[in-house]
Amino acid sequence: MAYSKGNEKKGGRTKGTPNKLTKTVKETVLAVFNDLQQDPEANLLSWAKSEPTEFYKIASKLIPTEVNAQVEGKIITYNVGFGKSDTED
């Protein structure tokens, strides 16, 4: 029976669950990446040192562009290298 609008979904994956192939590929890529980190000539750190511009292009895409947070309490500011710290209330 075909799905008709207004009826609840029955069977299949729950919303947000990746399919098995996607999950397997991600796990495999992560395993290879972790193995490569053991090789000092082929790890991410050595590549980042030799290609800092390319590394920062990728890293910048991983940083959230917006943070929605509420901060409460005392804010302490440290001026590193100047030997002075200020406290704001």
C-alpha atoms as a PDB file:
ATOM      1  CA  MET A   1       0.000   0.000   0.000  1.00  0.00           C
ATOM      2  CA  ALA A   2       1.392   3.393  -0.977  1.00  0.00           C
ATOM      3  CA  TYR A   3       1.882   6.130   1.591  1.00  0.00           C
ATOM      4  CA  SER A   4      -0.938   8.626   1.639  1.00  0.00           C
ATOM      5  CA  LYS A   5      -0.790  12.061   3.187  1.00  0.00           C
ATOM      6  CA  GLY A   6      -2.158  12.262   6.712  1.00  0.00           C
ATOM      7  CA  ASN A   7      -1.269   8.702   7.718  1.00  0.00           C
ATOM      8  CA  GLU A   8       1.544   8.060  10.169  1.00  0.00           C
ATOM      9  CA  LYS A   9       4.758   6.468   8.919  1.00  0.00           C
ATOM     10  CA  LYS A  10       5.163   2.766   9.580  1.00  0.00           C
ATOM     11  CA  GLY A  11       8.402   0.816   9.218  1.00  0.00           C
ATOM     12  CA  GLY A  12      11.719   1.958   7.785  1.00  0.00           C
ATOM     13  CA  ARG A  13      14.430   3.969   9.515  1.00  0.00           C
ATOM     14  CA  THR A  14      13.601   6.492  12.172  1.00  0.00           C
ATOM     15  CA  LYS A  15      14.193  10.108  11.202  1.00  0.00           C
ATOM     16  CA  GLY A  16      17.864  11.110  11.421  1.00  0.00           C
ATOM     17  CA  THR A  17      19.234   7.566  11.315  1.00  0.00           C
ATOM     18  CA  PRO A  18      21.974   7.228   8.671  1.00  0.00           C
ATOM     19  CA  ASN A  19      21.699   4.348   6.252  1.00  0.00           C
ATOM     20  CA  LYS A  20      24.037   1.368   6.740  1.00  0.00           C
ATOM     21  CA  LEU A  21      26.346   2.222   3.843  1.00  0.00           C
ATOM     22  CA  THR A  22      26.878   5.806   5.049  1.00  0.00           C
ATOM     23  CA  LYS A  23      27.584   4.562   8.567  1.00  0.00           C
ATOM     24  CA  THR A  24      30.047   1.927   7.314  1.00  0.00           C
ATOM     25  CA  VAL A  25      31.905   4.404   5.079  1.00  0.00           C
ATOM     26  CA  LYS A  26      32.212   6.953   7.903  1.00  0.00           C
ATOM     27  CA  GLU A  27      33.507   4.300  10.306  1.00  0.00           C
ATOM     28  CA  THR A  28      36.041   3.058   7.729  1.00  0.00           C
ATOM     29  CA  VAL A  29      37.317   6.556   6.938  1.00  0.00           C
ATOM     30  CA  LEU A  30      37.668   7.281  10.660  1.00  0.00           C
ATOM     31  CA  ALA A  31      39.606   4.024  11.207  1.00  0.00           C
ATOM     32  CA  VAL A  32      42.012   4.855   8.340  1.00  0.00           C
ATOM     33  CA  PHE A  33      42.419   8.414   9.628  1.00  0.00           C
ATOM     34  CA  ASN A  34      43.256   7.139  13.121  1.00  0.00           C
ATOM     35  CA  ASP A  35      45.811   4.680  11.687  1.00  0.00           C
ATOM     36  CA  LEU A  36      47.455   7.472   9.669  1.00  0.00           C
ATOM     37  CA  GLN A  37      47.892   9.566  12.805  1.00  0.00           C
ATOM     38  CA  GLN A  38      50.430   6.998  14.048  1.00  0.00           C
ATOM     39  CA  ASP A  39      52.746   7.765  11.091  1.00  0.00           C
ATOM     40  CA  PRO A  40      54.676  10.988  11.865  1.00  0.00           C
ATOM     41  CA  GLU A  41      55.198  11.698   8.140  1.00  0.00           C
ATOM     42  CA  ALA A  42      51.575  11.135   7.081  1.00  0.00           C
ATOM     43  CA  ASN A  43      49.562  12.524   9.971  1.00  0.00           C
ATOM     44  CA  LEU A  44      47.397  15.632  10.046  1.00  0.00           C
ATOM     45  CA  LEU A  45      49.853  17.613  12.174  1.00  0.00           C
ATOM     46  CA  SER A  46      52.710  17.218   9.697  1.00  0.00           C
ATOM     47  CA  TRP A  47      50.416  18.175   6.811  1.00  0.00           C
ATOM     48  CA  ALA A  48      49.096  21.202   8.718  1.00  0.00           C
ATOM     49  CA  LYS A  49      52.663  22.372   9.354  1.00  0.00           C
ATOM     50  CA  SER A  50      53.626  22.020   5.699  1.00  0.00           C
ATOM     51  CA  GLU A  51      50.333  23.468   4.336  1.00  0.00           C
ATOM     52  CA  PRO A  52      49.015  25.883   6.995  1.00  0.00           C
ATOM     53  CA  THR A  53      46.821  27.849   4.573  1.00  0.00           C
ATOM     54  CA  GLU A  54      45.022  24.715   3.404  1.00  0.00           C
ATOM     55  CA  PHE A  55      44.689  23.456   6.970  1.00  0.00           C
ATOM     56  CA  TYR A  56      43.088  26.715   8.138  1.00  0.00           C
ATOM     57  CA  LYS A  57      40.679  26.698   5.182  1.00  0.00           C
ATOM     58  CA  ILE A  58      39.366  23.337   6.377  1.00  0.00           C
ATOM     59  CA  ALA A  59      39.512  24.210  10.085  1.00  0.00           C
ATOM     60  CA  SER A  60      37.558  27.432   9.534  1.00  0.00           C
ATOM     61  CA  LYS A  61      34.668  25.429   8.068  1.00  0.00           C
ATOM     62  CA  LEU A  62      34.464  23.331  11.236  1.00  0.00           C
ATOM     63  CA  ILE A  63      34.081  26.321  13.571  1.00  0.00           C
ATOM     64  CA  PRO A  64      30.454  27.247  14.367  1.00  0.00           C
ATOM     65  CA  THR A  65      29.482  30.565  12.807  1.00  0.00           C
ATOM     66  CA  GLU A  66      26.957  31.344  15.514  1.00  0.00           C
ATOM     67  CA  VAL A  67      26.872  30.562  19.218  1.00  0.00           C
ATOM     68  CA  ASN A  68      23.604  30.976  21.069  1.00  0.00           C
ATOM     69  CA  ALA A  69      24.523  30.988  24.758  1.00  0.00           C
ATOM     70  CA  GLN A  70      23.854  32.909  27.927  1.00  0.00           C
ATOM     71  CA  VAL A  71      26.829  33.565  30.188  1.00  0.00           C
ATOM     72  CA  GLU A  72      26.333  34.375  33.832  1.00  0.00           C
ATOM     73  CA  GLY A  73      28.834  35.192  36.552  1.00  0.00           C
ATOM     74  CA  LYS A  74      32.114  37.037  36.763  1.00  0.00           C
ATOM     75  CA  ILE A  75      34.162  37.700  33.652  1.00  0.00           C
ATOM     76  CA  ILE A  76      37.899  37.593  34.207  1.00  0.00           C
ATOM     77  CA  THR A  77      40.168  39.073  31.552  1.00  0.00           C
ATOM     78  CA  TYR A  78      43.829  38.083  31.345  1.00  0.00           C
ATOM     79  CA  ASN A  79      46.274  40.129  29.323  1.00  0.00           C
ATOM     80  CA  VAL A  80      48.859  37.496  28.554  1.00  0.00           C
ATOM     81  CA  GLY A  81      52.380  38.860  28.257  1.00  0.00           C
ATOM     82  CA  PHE A  82      51.617  42.122  30.023  1.00  0.00           C
ATOM     83  CA  GLY A  83      51.546  40.784  33.588  1.00  0.00           C
ATOM     84  CA  LYS A  84      48.196  42.434  34.471  1.00  0.00           C
ATOM     85  CA  SER A  85      44.738  40.998  34.987  1.00  0.00           C
ATOM     86  CA  ASP A  86      41.457  42.906  35.229  1.00  0.00           C
ATOM     87  CA  THR A  87      38.167  41.753  36.703  1.00  0.00           C
ATOM     88  CA  GLU A  88      34.845  43.045  35.402  1.00  0.00           C
ATOM     89  CA  ASP A  89      31.539  42.558  37.206  1.00  0.00           C
END
